[in-house]
Amino acid sequence: MKNLKRTIFTGLLVLASTANASESITLKLDMFINGELIKPVVLHGELSEGFSAQIDNEVKYEITPSIENGKVKLSTVYYTYSEGAFSEEARPVLTVQANEQATIEIGQEGLKVYKLQVTPETKI
């Protein structure tokens, strides 16, 4: 009987995580360079799906949203472009409430400062 209860519980956990992973999400992105809004983007997809956005041959972001403790976790990879290719610079991770804005700011004053504002929209 113990094994049956454990199997049912494990099955319920798998179902819960599968339902969560197929939840739809919209990411509203505002991409800035040195404080100037360069590119607003709206991306639609599923939780745990990777999203990508870039500003020409300048900067690229890969974002994977997931749900963690009732909040949206944004696992991000940030790339810059030089010598004909993008190279990874950082892996910031942010956790925010759904429908609230998160900000990633990377760079150096006097050179270039890249800012990404992300608003995840989903029903949790």
PDB file of N, CA and C in Angstrom:
ATOM      1  N   MET A   1       0.822  -1.196   0.000  1.00  0.00           N
ATOM      2  CA  MET A   1       0.000   0.000   0.000  1.00  0.00           C
ATOM      3  C   MET A   1       0.870   1.265   0.000  1.00  0.00           C
ATOM      4  N   LYS A   2       1.998   1.208   0.760  1.00  0.00           N
ATOM      5  CA  LYS A   2       2.905   2.355   0.798  1.00  0.00           C
ATOM      6  C   LYS A   2       3.447   2.660  -0.595  1.00  0.00           C
ATOM      7  N   ASN A   3       3.840   1.602  -1.319  1.00  0.00           N
ATOM      8  CA  ASN A   3       4.384   1.800  -2.664  1.00  0.00           C
ATOM      9  C   ASN A   3       3.338   2.377  -3.609  1.00  0.00           C
ATOM     10  N   LEU A   4       2.081   1.954  -3.465  1.00  0.00           N
ATOM     11  CA  LEU A   4       1.011   2.474  -4.304  1.00  0.00           C
ATOM     12  C   LEU A   4       0.809   3.961  -4.037  1.00  0.00           C
ATOM     13  N   LYS A   5       0.808   4.368  -2.760  1.00  0.00           N
ATOM     14  CA  LYS A   5       0.657   5.786  -2.413  1.00  0.00           C
ATOM     15  C   LYS A   5       1.824   6.595  -2.962  1.00  0.00           C
ATOM     16  N   ARG A   6       3.025   6.066  -2.840  1.00  0.00           N
ATOM     17  CA  ARG A   6       4.211   6.759  -3.338  1.00  0.00           C
ATOM     18  C   ARG A   6       4.133   6.904  -4.861  1.00  0.00           C
ATOM     19  N   THR A   7       3.685   5.859  -5.556  1.00  0.00           N
ATOM     20  CA  THR A   7       3.556   5.908  -7.007  1.00  0.00           C
ATOM     21  C   THR A   7       2.511   6.936  -7.422  1.00  0.00           C
ATOM     22  N   ILE A   8       1.375   6.969  -6.732  1.00  0.00           N
ATOM     23  CA  ILE A   8       0.329   7.947  -7.046  1.00  0.00           C
ATOM     24  C   ILE A   8       0.847   9.361  -6.809  1.00  0.00           C
ATOM     25  N   PHE A   9       1.529   9.582  -5.685  1.00  0.00           N
ATOM     26  CA  PHE A   9       2.076  10.901  -5.364  1.00  0.00           C
ATOM     27  C   PHE A   9       3.089  11.339  -6.419  1.00  0.00           C
ATOM     28  N   THR A  10       3.970  10.436  -6.805  1.00  0.00           N
ATOM     29  CA  THR A  10       4.967  10.745  -7.834  1.00  0.00           C
ATOM     30  C   THR A  10       4.277  11.080  -9.151  1.00  0.00           C
ATOM     31  N   GLY A  11       3.248  10.320  -9.495  1.00  0.00           N
ATOM     32  CA  GLY A  11       2.494  10.583 -10.719  1.00  0.00           C
ATOM     33  C   GLY A  11       1.831  11.949 -10.692  1.00  0.00           C
ATOM     34  N   LEU A  12       1.293  12.338  -9.539  1.00  0.00           N
ATOM     35  CA  LEU A  12       0.678  13.657  -9.405  1.00  0.00           C
ATOM     36  C   LEU A  12       1.714  14.765  -9.558  1.00  0.00           C
ATOM     37  N   LEU A  13       2.901  14.559  -9.005  1.00  0.00           N
ATOM     38  CA  LEU A  13       3.970  15.550  -9.158  1.00  0.00           C
ATOM     39  C   LEU A  13       4.353  15.712 -10.621  1.00  0.00           C
ATOM     40  N   VAL A  14       4.454  14.614 -11.335  1.00  0.00           N
ATOM     41  CA  VAL A  14       4.795  14.669 -12.757  1.00  0.00           C
ATOM     42  C   VAL A  14       3.704  15.404 -13.523  1.00  0.00           C
ATOM     43  N   LEU A  15       2.437  15.109 -13.230  1.00  0.00           N
ATOM     44  CA  LEU A  15       1.333  15.795 -13.897  1.00  0.00           C
ATOM     45  C   LEU A  15       1.359  17.289 -13.609  1.00  0.00           C
ATOM     46  N   ALA A  16       1.606  17.653 -12.365  1.00  0.00           N
ATOM     47  CA  ALA A  16       1.649  19.069 -11.989  1.00  0.00           C
ATOM     48  C   ALA A  16       2.770  19.789 -12.716  1.00  0.00           C
ATOM     49  N   SER A  17       3.931  19.174 -12.791  1.00  0.00           N
ATOM     50  CA  SER A  17       5.046  19.844 -13.463  1.00  0.00           C
ATOM     51  C   SER A  17       4.818  19.907 -14.967  1.00  0.00           C
ATOM     52  N   THR A  18       4.169  18.901 -15.543  1.00  0.00           N
ATOM     53  CA  THR A  18       3.873  18.914 -16.970  1.00  0.00           C
ATOM     54  C   THR A  18       2.864  20.005 -17.294  1.00  0.00           C
ATOM     55  N   ALA A  19       1.837  20.144 -16.466  1.00  0.00           N
ATOM     56  CA  ALA A  19       0.844  21.191 -16.685  1.00  0.00           C
ATOM     57  C   ALA A  19       1.499  22.558 -16.590  1.00  0.00           C
ATOM     58  N   ASN A  20       2.373  22.719 -15.629  1.00  0.00           N
ATOM     59  CA  ASN A  20       3.066  23.990 -15.433  1.00  0.00           C
ATOM     60  C   ASN A  20       3.954  24.319 -16.628  1.00  0.00           C
ATOM     61  N   ALA A  21       4.637  23.331 -17.154  1.00  0.00           N
ATOM     62  CA  ALA A  21       5.571  23.558 -18.258  1.00  0.00           C
ATOM     63  C   ALA A  21       4.852  23.965 -19.537  1.00  0.00           C
ATOM     64  N   SER A  22       3.581  23.542 -19.710  1.00  0.00           N
ATOM     65  CA  SER A  22       2.878  23.872 -20.942  1.00  0.00           C
ATOM     66  C   SER A  22       2.051  25.149 -20.809  1.00  0.00           C
ATOM     67  N   GLU A  23       2.171  25.857 -19.708  1.00  0.00           N
ATOM     68  CA  GLU A  23       1.465  27.118 -19.497  1.00  0.00           C
ATOM     69  C   GLU A  23       2.007  28.183 -20.448  1.00  0.00           C
ATOM     70  N   SER A  24       1.103  28.946 -21.038  1.00  0.00           N
ATOM     71  CA  SER A  24       1.567  29.983 -21.964  1.00  0.00           C
ATOM     72  C   SER A  24       2.066  31.209 -21.204  1.00  0.00           C
ATOM     73  N   ILE A  25       2.985  31.926 -21.840  1.00  0.00           N
ATOM     74  CA  ILE A  25       3.574  33.121 -21.238  1.00  0.00           C
ATOM     75  C   ILE A  25       3.881  34.121 -22.349  1.00  0.00           C
ATOM     76  N   THR A  26       3.786  35.376 -22.004  1.00  0.00           N
ATOM     77  CA  THR A  26       4.184  36.462 -22.895  1.00  0.00           C
ATOM     78  C   THR A  26       5.297  37.228 -22.202  1.00  0.00           C
ATOM     79  N   LEU A  27       6.372  37.489 -22.916  1.00  0.00           N
ATOM     80  CA  LEU A  27       7.467  38.300 -22.386  1.00  0.00           C
ATOM     81  C   LEU A  27       7.490  39.621 -23.144  1.00  0.00           C
ATOM     82  N   LYS A  28       7.313  40.707 -22.402  1.00  0.00           N
ATOM     83  CA  LYS A  28       7.455  42.038 -22.990  1.00  0.00           C
ATOM     84  C   LYS A  28       8.863  42.512 -22.673  1.00  0.00           C
ATOM     85  N   LEU A  29       9.649  42.772 -23.702  1.00  0.00           N
ATOM     86  CA  LEU A  29      11.046  43.176 -23.532  1.00  0.00           C
ATOM     87  C   LEU A  29      11.246  44.596 -24.050  1.00  0.00           C
ATOM     88  N   ASP A  30      11.958  45.390 -23.280  1.00  0.00           N
ATOM     89  CA  ASP A  30      12.432  46.694 -23.731  1.00  0.00           C
ATOM     90  C   ASP A  30      13.945  46.650 -23.635  1.00  0.00           C
ATOM     91  N   MET A  31      14.621  46.824 -24.769  1.00  0.00           N
ATOM     92  CA  MET A  31      16.081  46.740 -24.810  1.00  0.00           C
ATOM     93  C   MET A  31      16.673  48.135 -25.006  1.00  0.00           C
ATOM     94  N   PHE A  32      17.587  48.497 -24.115  1.00  0.00           N
ATOM     95  CA  PHE A  32      18.198  49.823 -24.106  1.00  0.00           C
ATOM     96  C   PHE A  32      19.705  49.715 -24.303  1.00  0.00           C
ATOM     97  N   ILE A  33      20.286  50.739 -24.924  1.00  0.00           N
ATOM     98  CA  ILE A  33      21.737  50.917 -24.946  1.00  0.00           C
ATOM     99  C   ILE A  33      21.992  52.348 -24.490  1.00  0.00           C
ATOM    100  N   ASN A  34      22.792  52.485 -23.440  1.00  0.00           N
ATOM    101  CA  ASN A  34      23.118  53.796 -22.860  1.00  0.00           C
ATOM    102  C   ASN A  34      21.872  54.635 -22.574  1.00  0.00           C
ATOM    103  N   GLY A  35      20.849  53.976 -22.013  1.00  0.00           N
ATOM    104  CA  GLY A  35      19.636  54.677 -21.601  1.00  0.00           C
ATOM    105  C   GLY A  35      18.640  54.958 -22.705  1.00  0.00           C
ATOM    106  N   GLU A  36      18.960  54.636 -23.940  1.00  0.00           N
ATOM    107  CA  GLU A  36      18.060  54.880 -25.064  1.00  0.00           C
ATOM    108  C   GLU A  36      17.336  53.594 -25.444  1.00  0.00           C
ATOM    109  N   LEU A  37      15.991  53.665 -25.468  1.00  0.00           N
ATOM    110  CA  LEU A  37      15.209  52.504 -25.885  1.00  0.00           C
ATOM    111  C   LEU A  37      15.489  52.244 -27.356  1.00  0.00           C
ATOM    112  N   ILE A  38      16.063  51.080 -27.626  1.00  0.00           N
ATOM    113  CA  ILE A  38      16.439  50.724 -28.991  1.00  0.00           C
ATOM    114  C   ILE A  38      15.393  49.823 -29.633  1.00  0.00           C
ATOM    115  N   LYS A  39      14.881  48.876 -28.843  1.00  0.00           N
ATOM    116  CA  LYS A  39      14.007  47.879 -29.452  1.00  0.00           C
ATOM    117  C   LYS A  39      13.030  47.306 -28.427  1.00  0.00           C
ATOM    118  N   PRO A  40      11.720  47.595 -28.585  1.00  0.00           N
ATOM    119  CA  PRO A  40      10.718  46.896 -27.781  1.00  0.00           C
ATOM    120  C   PRO A  40      10.277  45.635 -28.536  1.00  0.00           C
ATOM    121  N   VAL A  41      10.114  44.532 -27.809  1.00  0.00           N
ATOM    122  CA  VAL A  41       9.750  43.252 -28.420  1.00  0.00           C
ATOM    123  C   VAL A  41       8.719  42.561 -27.531  1.00  0.00           C
ATOM    124  N   VAL A  42       7.754  41.878 -28.147  1.00  0.00           N
ATOM    125  CA  VAL A  42       6.804  41.047 -27.410  1.00  0.00           C
ATOM    126  C   VAL A  42       6.931  39.627 -27.953  1.00  0.00           C
ATOM    127  N   LEU A  43       7.228  38.678 -27.052  1.00  0.00           N
ATOM    128  CA  LEU A  43       7.409  37.277 -27.432  1.00  0.00           C
ATOM    129  C   LEU A  43       6.344  36.420 -26.754  1.00  0.00           C
ATOM    130  N   HIS A  44       5.770  35.479 -27.488  1.00  0.00           N
ATOM    131  CA  HIS A  44       4.749  34.575 -26.955  1.00  0.00           C
ATOM    132  C   HIS A  44       5.262  33.144 -27.042  1.00  0.00           C
ATOM    133  N   GLY A  45       4.968  32.344 -26.011  1.00  0.00           N
ATOM    134  CA  GLY A  45       5.383  30.947 -26.038  1.00  0.00           C
ATOM    135  C   GLY A  45       4.933  30.221 -24.792  1.00  0.00           C
ATOM    136  N   GLU A  46       5.651  29.182 -24.450  1.00  0.00           N
ATOM    137  CA  GLU A  46       5.329  28.339 -23.304  1.00  0.00           C
ATOM    138  C   GLU A  46       6.402  28.478 -22.227  1.00  0.00           C
ATOM    139  N   LEU A  47       5.990  28.257 -20.975  1.00  0.00           N
ATOM    140  CA  LEU A  47       6.962  28.226 -19.886  1.00  0.00           C
ATOM    141  C   LEU A  47       8.006  27.163 -20.174  1.00  0.00           C
ATOM    142  N   SER A  48       9.204  27.384 -19.734  1.00  0.00           N
ATOM    143  CA  SER A  48      10.357  26.495 -19.916  1.00  0.00           C
ATOM    144  C   SER A  48      10.847  26.447 -21.362  1.00  0.00           C
ATOM    145  N   GLU A  49      10.247  27.240 -22.233  1.00  0.00           N
ATOM    146  CA  GLU A  49      10.706  27.351 -23.623  1.00  0.00           C
ATOM    147  C   GLU A  49      11.725  28.485 -23.677  1.00  0.00           C
ATOM    148  N   GLY A  50      12.745  28.338 -24.464  1.00  0.00           N
ATOM    149  CA  GLY A  50      13.744  29.394 -24.591  1.00  0.00           C
ATOM    150  C   GLY A  50      13.296  30.479 -25.558  1.00  0.00           C
ATOM    151  N   PHE A  51      13.488  31.726 -25.173  1.00  0.00           N
ATOM    152  CA  PHE A  51      13.186  32.880 -26.010  1.00  0.00           C
ATOM    153  C   PHE A  51      14.490  33.585 -26.343  1.00  0.00           C
ATOM    154  N   SER A  52      14.558  34.206 -27.500  1.00  0.00           N
ATOM    155  CA  SER A  52      15.767  34.916 -27.895  1.00  0.00           C
ATOM    156  C   SER A  52      15.393  36.258 -28.506  1.00  0.00           C
ATOM    157  N   ALA A  53      16.165  37.290 -28.163  1.00  0.00           N
ATOM    158  CA  ALA A  53      15.970  38.619 -28.742  1.00  0.00           C
ATOM    159  C   ALA A  53      17.335  39.273 -28.869  1.00  0.00           C
ATOM    160  N   GLN A  54      17.508  40.061 -29.924  1.00  0.00           N
ATOM    161  CA  GLN A  54      18.804  40.713 -30.097  1.00  0.00           C
ATOM    162  C   GLN A  54      18.650  42.068 -30.762  1.00  0.00           C
ATOM    163  N   ILE A  55      19.646  42.901 -30.555  1.00  0.00           N
ATOM    164  CA  ILE A  55      19.757  44.181 -31.243  1.00  0.00           C
ATOM    165  C   ILE A  55      20.873  44.008 -32.261  1.00  0.00           C
ATOM    166  N   ASP A  56      20.469  43.809 -33.514  1.00  0.00           N
ATOM    167  CA  ASP A  56      21.410  43.662 -34.631  1.00  0.00           C
ATOM    168  C   ASP A  56      22.680  42.909 -34.217  1.00  0.00           C
ATOM    169  N   ASN A  57      23.826  43.408 -34.594  1.00  0.00           N
ATOM    170  CA  ASN A  57      25.101  42.793 -34.215  1.00  0.00           C
ATOM    171  C   ASN A  57      25.688  43.532 -33.019  1.00  0.00           C
ATOM    172  N   GLU A  58      24.889  43.619 -31.949  1.00  0.00           N
ATOM    173  CA  GLU A  58      25.286  44.388 -30.776  1.00  0.00           C
ATOM    174  C   GLU A  58      25.188  43.547 -29.503  1.00  0.00           C
ATOM    175  N   VAL A  59      23.985  43.078 -29.221  1.00  0.00           N
ATOM    176  CA  VAL A  59      23.741  42.342 -27.985  1.00  0.00           C
ATOM    177  C   VAL A  59      22.611  41.342 -28.224  1.00  0.00           C
ATOM    178  N   LYS A  60      22.669  40.215 -27.511  1.00  0.00           N
ATOM    179  CA  LYS A  60      21.640  39.179 -27.640  1.00  0.00           C
ATOM    180  C   LYS A  60      21.315  38.644 -26.251  1.00  0.00           C
ATOM    181  N   TYR A  61      20.034  38.344 -26.032  1.00  0.00           N
ATOM    182  CA  TYR A  61      19.576  37.763 -24.774  1.00  0.00           C
ATOM    183  C   TYR A  61      18.832  36.472 -25.079  1.00  0.00           C
ATOM    184  N   GLU A  62      19.102  35.435 -24.305  1.00  0.00           N
ATOM    185  CA  GLU A  62      18.317  34.204 -24.343  1.00  0.00           C
ATOM    186  C   GLU A  62      17.685  34.074 -22.969  1.00  0.00           C
ATOM    187  N   ILE A  63      16.365  33.932 -22.936  1.00  0.00           N
ATOM    188  CA  ILE A  63      15.629  33.921 -21.677  1.00  0.00           C
ATOM    189  C   ILE A  63      14.782  32.664 -21.610  1.00  0.00           C
ATOM    190  N   THR A  64      14.881  31.957 -20.484  1.00  0.00           N
ATOM    191  CA  THR A  64      14.042  30.789 -20.246  1.00  0.00           C
ATOM    192  C   THR A  64      13.231  31.041 -18.978  1.00  0.00           C
ATOM    193  N   PRO A  65      11.911  31.252 -19.125  1.00  0.00           N
ATOM    194  CA  PRO A  65      11.073  31.480 -17.949  1.00  0.00           C
ATOM    195  C   PRO A  65      10.585  30.160 -17.357  1.00  0.00           C
ATOM    196  N   SER A  66      10.452  30.130 -16.049  1.00  0.00           N
ATOM    197  CA  SER A  66       9.876  28.976 -15.359  1.00  0.00           C
ATOM    198  C   SER A  66       9.159  29.500 -14.118  1.00  0.00           C
ATOM    199  N   ILE A  67       8.378  28.647 -13.493  1.00  0.00           N
ATOM    200  CA  ILE A  67       7.673  29.025 -12.269  1.00  0.00           C
ATOM    201  C   ILE A  67       8.397  28.388 -11.097  1.00  0.00           C
ATOM    202  N   GLU A  68       8.679  29.200 -10.083  1.00  0.00           N
ATOM    203  CA  GLU A  68       9.361  28.712  -8.889  1.00  0.00           C
ATOM    204  C   GLU A  68       8.744  29.402  -7.676  1.00  0.00           C
ATOM    205  N   ASN A  69       8.145  28.618  -6.793  1.00  0.00           N
ATOM    206  CA  ASN A  69       7.509  29.150  -5.579  1.00  0.00           C
ATOM    207  C   ASN A  69       6.489  30.243  -5.891  1.00  0.00           C
ATOM    208  N   GLY A  70       5.701  30.044  -6.933  1.00  0.00           N
ATOM    209  CA  GLY A  70       4.648  30.989  -7.281  1.00  0.00           C
ATOM    210  C   GLY A  70       5.123  32.255  -7.973  1.00  0.00           C
ATOM    211  N   LYS A  71       6.392  32.320  -8.323  1.00  0.00           N
ATOM    212  CA  LYS A  71       6.938  33.484  -9.024  1.00  0.00           C
ATOM    213  C   LYS A  71       7.528  33.043 -10.359  1.00  0.00           C
ATOM    214  N   VAL A  72       7.778  34.005 -11.226  1.00  0.00           N
ATOM    215  CA  VAL A  72       8.388  33.708 -12.521  1.00  0.00           C
ATOM    216  C   VAL A  72       9.900  33.871 -12.390  1.00  0.00           C
ATOM    217  N   LYS A  73      10.616  32.801 -12.688  1.00  0.00           N
ATOM    218  CA  LYS A  73      12.081  32.824 -12.671  1.00  0.00           C
ATOM    219  C   LYS A  73      12.548  33.017 -14.109  1.00  0.00           C
ATOM    220  N   LEU A  74      13.389  34.021 -14.330  1.00  0.00           N
ATOM    221  CA  LEU A  74      13.906  34.325 -15.662  1.00  0.00           C
ATOM    222  C   LEU A  74      15.388  33.996 -15.702  1.00  0.00           C
ATOM    223  N   SER A  75      15.714  32.842 -16.274  1.00  0.00           N
ATOM    224  CA  SER A  75      17.116  32.440 -16.438  1.00  0.00           C
ATOM    225  C   SER A  75      17.583  33.023 -17.770  1.00  0.00           C
ATOM    226  N   THR A  76      18.580  33.875 -17.710  1.00  0.00           N
ATOM    227  CA  THR A  76      18.982  34.653 -18.875  1.00  0.00           C
ATOM    228  C   THR A  76      20.448  34.411 -19.216  1.00  0.00           C
ATOM    229  N   VAL A  77      20.737  34.388 -20.504  1.00  0.00           N
ATOM    230  CA  VAL A  77      22.124  34.375 -20.968  1.00  0.00           C
ATOM    231  C   VAL A  77      22.286  35.645 -21.799  1.00  0.00           C
ATOM    232  N   TYR A  78      23.316  36.406 -21.478  1.00  0.00           N
ATOM    233  CA  TYR A  78      23.572  37.697 -22.118  1.00  0.00           C
ATOM    234  C   TYR A  78      24.833  37.583 -22.968  1.00  0.00           C
ATOM    235  N   TYR A  79      24.733  37.982 -24.245  1.00  0.00           N
ATOM    236  CA  TYR A  79      25.851  37.896 -25.188  1.00  0.00           C
ATOM    237  C   TYR A  79      26.148  39.280 -25.768  1.00  0.00           C
ATOM    238  N   THR A  80      27.411  39.532 -26.060  1.00  0.00           N
ATOM    239  CA  THR A  80      27.778  40.717 -26.838  1.00  0.00           C
ATOM    240  C   THR A  80      28.434  40.248 -28.134  1.00  0.00           C
ATOM    241  N   TYR A  81      28.437  41.126 -29.110  1.00  0.00           N
ATOM    242  CA  TYR A  81      28.937  40.799 -30.445  1.00  0.00           C
ATOM    243  C   TYR A  81      30.290  41.459 -30.667  1.00  0.00           C
ATOM    244  N   SER A  82      31.259  40.676 -31.072  1.00  0.00           N
ATOM    245  CA  SER A  82      32.551  41.239 -31.476  1.00  0.00           C
ATOM    246  C   SER A  82      33.255  40.247 -32.392  1.00  0.00           C
ATOM    247  N   GLU A  83      34.025  40.762 -33.296  1.00  0.00           N
ATOM    248  CA  GLU A  83      34.806  39.957 -34.236  1.00  0.00           C
ATOM    249  C   GLU A  83      33.965  38.917 -34.979  1.00  0.00           C
ATOM    250  N   GLY A  84      32.756  39.317 -35.381  1.00  0.00           N
ATOM    251  CA  GLY A  84      31.920  38.464 -36.210  1.00  0.00           C
ATOM    252  C   GLY A  84      31.102  37.406 -35.500  1.00  0.00           C
ATOM    253  N   ALA A  85      31.074  37.425 -34.161  1.00  0.00           N
ATOM    254  CA  ALA A  85      30.306  36.398 -33.447  1.00  0.00           C
ATOM    255  C   ALA A  85      29.834  36.920 -32.089  1.00  0.00           C
ATOM    256  N   PHE A  86      28.771  36.296 -31.585  1.00  0.00           N
ATOM    257  CA  PHE A  86      28.297  36.599 -30.238  1.00  0.00           C
ATOM    258  C   PHE A  86      29.083  35.757 -29.244  1.00  0.00           C
ATOM    259  N   SER A  87      29.460  36.353 -28.125  1.00  0.00           N
ATOM    260  CA  SER A  87      30.126  35.592 -27.065  1.00  0.00           C
ATOM    261  C   SER A  87      29.406  35.849 -25.746  1.00  0.00           C
ATOM    262  N   GLU A  88      29.286  34.784 -24.965  1.00  0.00           N
ATOM    263  CA  GLU A  88      28.573  34.859 -23.691  1.00  0.00           C
ATOM    264  C   GLU A  88      29.323  35.755 -22.714  1.00  0.00           C
ATOM    265  N   GLU A  89      28.574  36.633 -22.061  1.00  0.00           N
ATOM    266  CA  GLU A  89      29.157  37.559 -21.095  1.00  0.00           C
ATOM    267  C   GLU A  89      28.693  37.286 -19.670  1.00  0.00           C
ATOM    268  N   ALA A  90      27.412  36.939 -19.499  1.00  0.00           N
ATOM    269  CA  ALA A  90      26.876  36.760 -18.145  1.00  0.00           C
ATOM    270  C   ALA A  90      25.631  35.878 -18.188  1.00  0.00           C
ATOM    271  N   ARG A  91      25.265  35.351 -17.007  1.00  0.00           N
ATOM    272  CA  ARG A  91      24.069  34.519 -16.860  1.00  0.00           C
ATOM    273  C   ARG A  91      23.230  35.011 -15.675  1.00  0.00           C
ATOM    274  N   PRO A  92      22.636  36.187 -15.792  1.00  0.00           N
ATOM    275  CA  PRO A  92      21.818  36.677 -14.681  1.00  0.00           C
ATOM    276  C   PRO A  92      20.512  35.895 -14.559  1.00  0.00           C
ATOM    277  N   VAL A  93      20.076  35.686 -13.319  1.00  0.00           N
ATOM    278  CA  VAL A  93      18.810  35.014 -13.035  1.00  0.00           C
ATOM    279  C   VAL A  93      17.994  35.944 -12.143  1.00  0.00           C
ATOM    280  N   LEU A  94      16.764  36.215 -12.562  1.00  0.00           N
ATOM    281  CA  LEU A  94      15.877  37.078 -11.793  1.00  0.00           C
ATOM    282  C   LEU A  94      14.604  36.329 -11.463  1.00  0.00           C
ATOM    283  N   THR A  95      14.023  36.632 -10.317  1.00  0.00           N
ATOM    284  CA  THR A  95      12.742  36.055  -9.932  1.00  0.00           C
ATOM    285  C   THR A  95      11.796  37.202  -9.598  1.00  0.00           C
ATOM    286  N   VAL A  96      10.644  37.247 -10.283  1.00  0.00           N
ATOM    287  CA  VAL A  96       9.678  38.330 -10.094  1.00  0.00           C
ATOM    288  C   VAL A  96       8.264  37.765 -10.052  1.00  0.00           C
ATOM    289  N   GLN A  97       7.340  38.559  -9.545  1.00  0.00           N
ATOM    290  CA  GLN A  97       5.928  38.210  -9.619  1.00  0.00           C
ATOM    291  C   GLN A  97       5.498  38.294 -11.083  1.00  0.00           C
ATOM    292  N   ALA A  98       4.513  37.503 -11.460  1.00  0.00           N
ATOM    293  CA  ALA A  98       3.965  37.603 -12.814  1.00  0.00           C
ATOM    294  C   ALA A  98       3.422  39.013 -13.007  1.00  0.00           C
ATOM    295  N   ASN A  99       3.559  39.534 -14.198  1.00  0.00           N
ATOM    296  CA  ASN A  99       3.064  40.850 -14.587  1.00  0.00           C
ATOM    297  C   ASN A  99       3.809  42.011 -13.929  1.00  0.00           C
ATOM    298  N   GLU A 100       4.964  41.746 -13.335  1.00  0.00           N
ATOM    299  CA  GLU A 100       5.817  42.802 -12.789  1.00  0.00           C
ATOM    300  C   GLU A 100       7.117  42.845 -13.579  1.00  0.00           C
ATOM    301  N   GLN A 101       7.692  44.024 -13.665  1.00  0.00           N
ATOM    302  CA  GLN A 101       8.893  44.221 -14.478  1.00  0.00           C
ATOM    303  C   GLN A 101      10.174  43.876 -13.724  1.00  0.00           C
ATOM    304  N   ALA A 102      11.082  43.225 -14.424  1.00  0.00           N
ATOM    305  CA  ALA A 102      12.423  42.936 -13.901  1.00  0.00           C
ATOM    306  C   ALA A 102      13.424  43.645 -14.808  1.00  0.00           C
ATOM    307  N   THR A 103      14.544  44.076 -14.234  1.00  0.00           N
ATOM    308  CA  THR A 103      15.547  44.805 -15.011  1.00  0.00           C
ATOM    309  C   THR A 103      16.919  44.171 -14.854  1.00  0.00           C
ATOM    310  N   ILE A 104      17.584  43.973 -15.984  1.00  0.00           N
ATOM    311  CA  ILE A 104      18.978  43.518 -16.012  1.00  0.00           C
ATOM    312  C   ILE A 104      19.779  44.658 -16.625  1.00  0.00           C
ATOM    313  N   GLU A 105      20.817  45.084 -15.943  1.00  0.00           N
ATOM    314  CA  GLU A 105      21.670  46.154 -16.469  1.00  0.00           C
ATOM    315  C   GLU A 105      23.115  45.702 -16.386  1.00  0.00           C
ATOM    316  N   ILE A 106      23.766  45.683 -17.539  1.00  0.00           N
ATOM    317  CA  ILE A 106      25.142  45.204 -17.613  1.00  0.00           C
ATOM    318  C   ILE A 106      25.945  46.183 -18.459  1.00  0.00           C
ATOM    319  N   GLY A 107      27.154  46.444 -18.061  1.00  0.00           N
ATOM    320  CA  GLY A 107      28.009  47.321 -18.847  1.00  0.00           C
ATOM    321  C   GLY A 107      28.819  48.239 -17.965  1.00  0.00           C
ATOM    322  N   GLN A 108      29.407  49.240 -18.582  1.00  0.00           N
ATOM    323  CA  GLN A 108      30.292  50.140 -17.867  1.00  0.00           C
ATOM    324  C   GLN A 108      30.024  51.567 -18.328  1.00  0.00           C
ATOM    325  N   GLU A 109      29.764  52.458 -17.359  1.00  0.00           N
ATOM    326  CA  GLU A 109      29.560  53.869 -17.691  1.00  0.00           C
ATOM    327  C   GLU A 109      30.742  54.371 -18.502  1.00  0.00           C
ATOM    328  N   GLY A 110      30.467  55.191 -19.483  1.00  0.00           N
ATOM    329  CA  GLY A 110      31.530  55.711 -20.336  1.00  0.00           C
ATOM    330  C   GLY A 110      31.783  54.833 -21.548  1.00  0.00           C
ATOM    331  N   LEU A 111      31.434  53.554 -21.446  1.00  0.00           N
ATOM    332  CA  LEU A 111      31.542  52.644 -22.596  1.00  0.00           C
ATOM    333  C   LEU A 111      30.130  52.383 -23.093  1.00  0.00           C
ATOM    334  N   LYS A 112      29.601  51.222 -22.774  1.00  0.00           N
ATOM    335  CA  LYS A 112      28.222  50.914 -23.132  1.00  0.00           C
ATOM    336  C   LYS A 112      27.537  50.256 -21.949  1.00  0.00           C
ATOM    337  N   VAL A 113      26.295  50.675 -21.727  1.00  0.00           N
ATOM    338  CA  VAL A 113      25.466  50.059 -20.700  1.00  0.00           C
ATOM    339  C   VAL A 113      24.251  49.470 -21.412  1.00  0.00           C
ATOM    340  N   TYR A 114      24.083  48.159 -21.268  1.00  0.00           N
ATOM    341  CA  TYR A 114      22.952  47.455 -21.859  1.00  0.00           C
ATOM    342  C   TYR A 114      21.937  47.201 -20.756  1.00  0.00           C
ATOM    343  N   LYS A 115      20.687  47.544 -21.043  1.00  0.00           N
ATOM    344  CA  LYS A 115      19.634  47.310 -20.059  1.00  0.00           C
ATOM    345  C   LYS A 115      18.502  46.568 -20.743  1.00  0.00           C
ATOM    346  N   LEU A 116      17.994  45.566 -20.062  1.00  0.00           N
ATOM    347  CA  LEU A 116      16.862  44.786 -20.543  1.00  0.00           C
ATOM    348  C   LEU A 116      15.785  44.840 -19.474  1.00  0.00           C
ATOM    349  N   GLN A 117      14.606  45.329 -19.833  1.00  0.00           N
ATOM    350  CA  GLN A 117      13.462  45.299 -18.930  1.00  0.00           C
ATOM    351  C   GLN A 117      12.523  44.218 -19.438  1.00  0.00           C
ATOM    352  N   VAL A 118      12.193  43.273 -18.562  1.00  0.00           N
ATOM    353  CA  VAL A 118      11.360  42.128 -18.925  1.00  0.00           C
ATOM    354  C   VAL A 118      10.116  42.134 -18.056  1.00  0.00           C
ATOM    355  N   THR A 119       8.950  42.016 -18.689  1.00  0.00           N
ATOM    356  CA  THR A 119       7.697  41.865 -17.958  1.00  0.00           C
ATOM    357  C   THR A 119       7.079  40.541 -18.395  1.00  0.00           C
ATOM    358  N   PRO A 120       7.109  39.512 -17.505  1.00  0.00           N
ATOM    359  CA  PRO A 120       6.478  38.234 -17.846  1.00  0.00           C
ATOM    360  C   PRO A 120       4.981  38.301 -17.542  1.00  0.00           C
ATOM    361  N   GLU A 121       4.156  37.949 -18.508  1.00  0.00           N
ATOM    362  CA  GLU A 121       2.711  37.946 -18.318  1.00  0.00           C
ATOM    363  C   GLU A 121       2.198  36.519 -18.437  1.00  0.00           C
ATOM    364  N   THR A 122       1.652  36.019 -17.331  1.00  0.00           N
ATOM    365  CA  THR A 122       1.100  34.667 -17.302  1.00  0.00           C
ATOM    366  C   THR A 122       0.118  34.568 -16.156  1.00  0.00           C
ATOM    367  N   LYS A 123      -0.678  33.517 -16.154  1.00  0.00           N
ATOM    368  CA  LYS A 123      -1.587  33.239 -15.039  1.00  0.00           C
ATOM    369  C   LYS A 123      -0.966  32.135 -14.212  1.00  0.00           C
ATOM    370  N   ILE A 124      -0.648  32.452 -12.972  1.00  0.00           N
ATOM    371  CA  ILE A 124      -0.040  31.441 -12.097  1.00  0.00           C
ATOM    372  C   ILE A 124      -1.097  30.934 -11.144  1.00  0.00           C
TER     373      ILE A 124
END
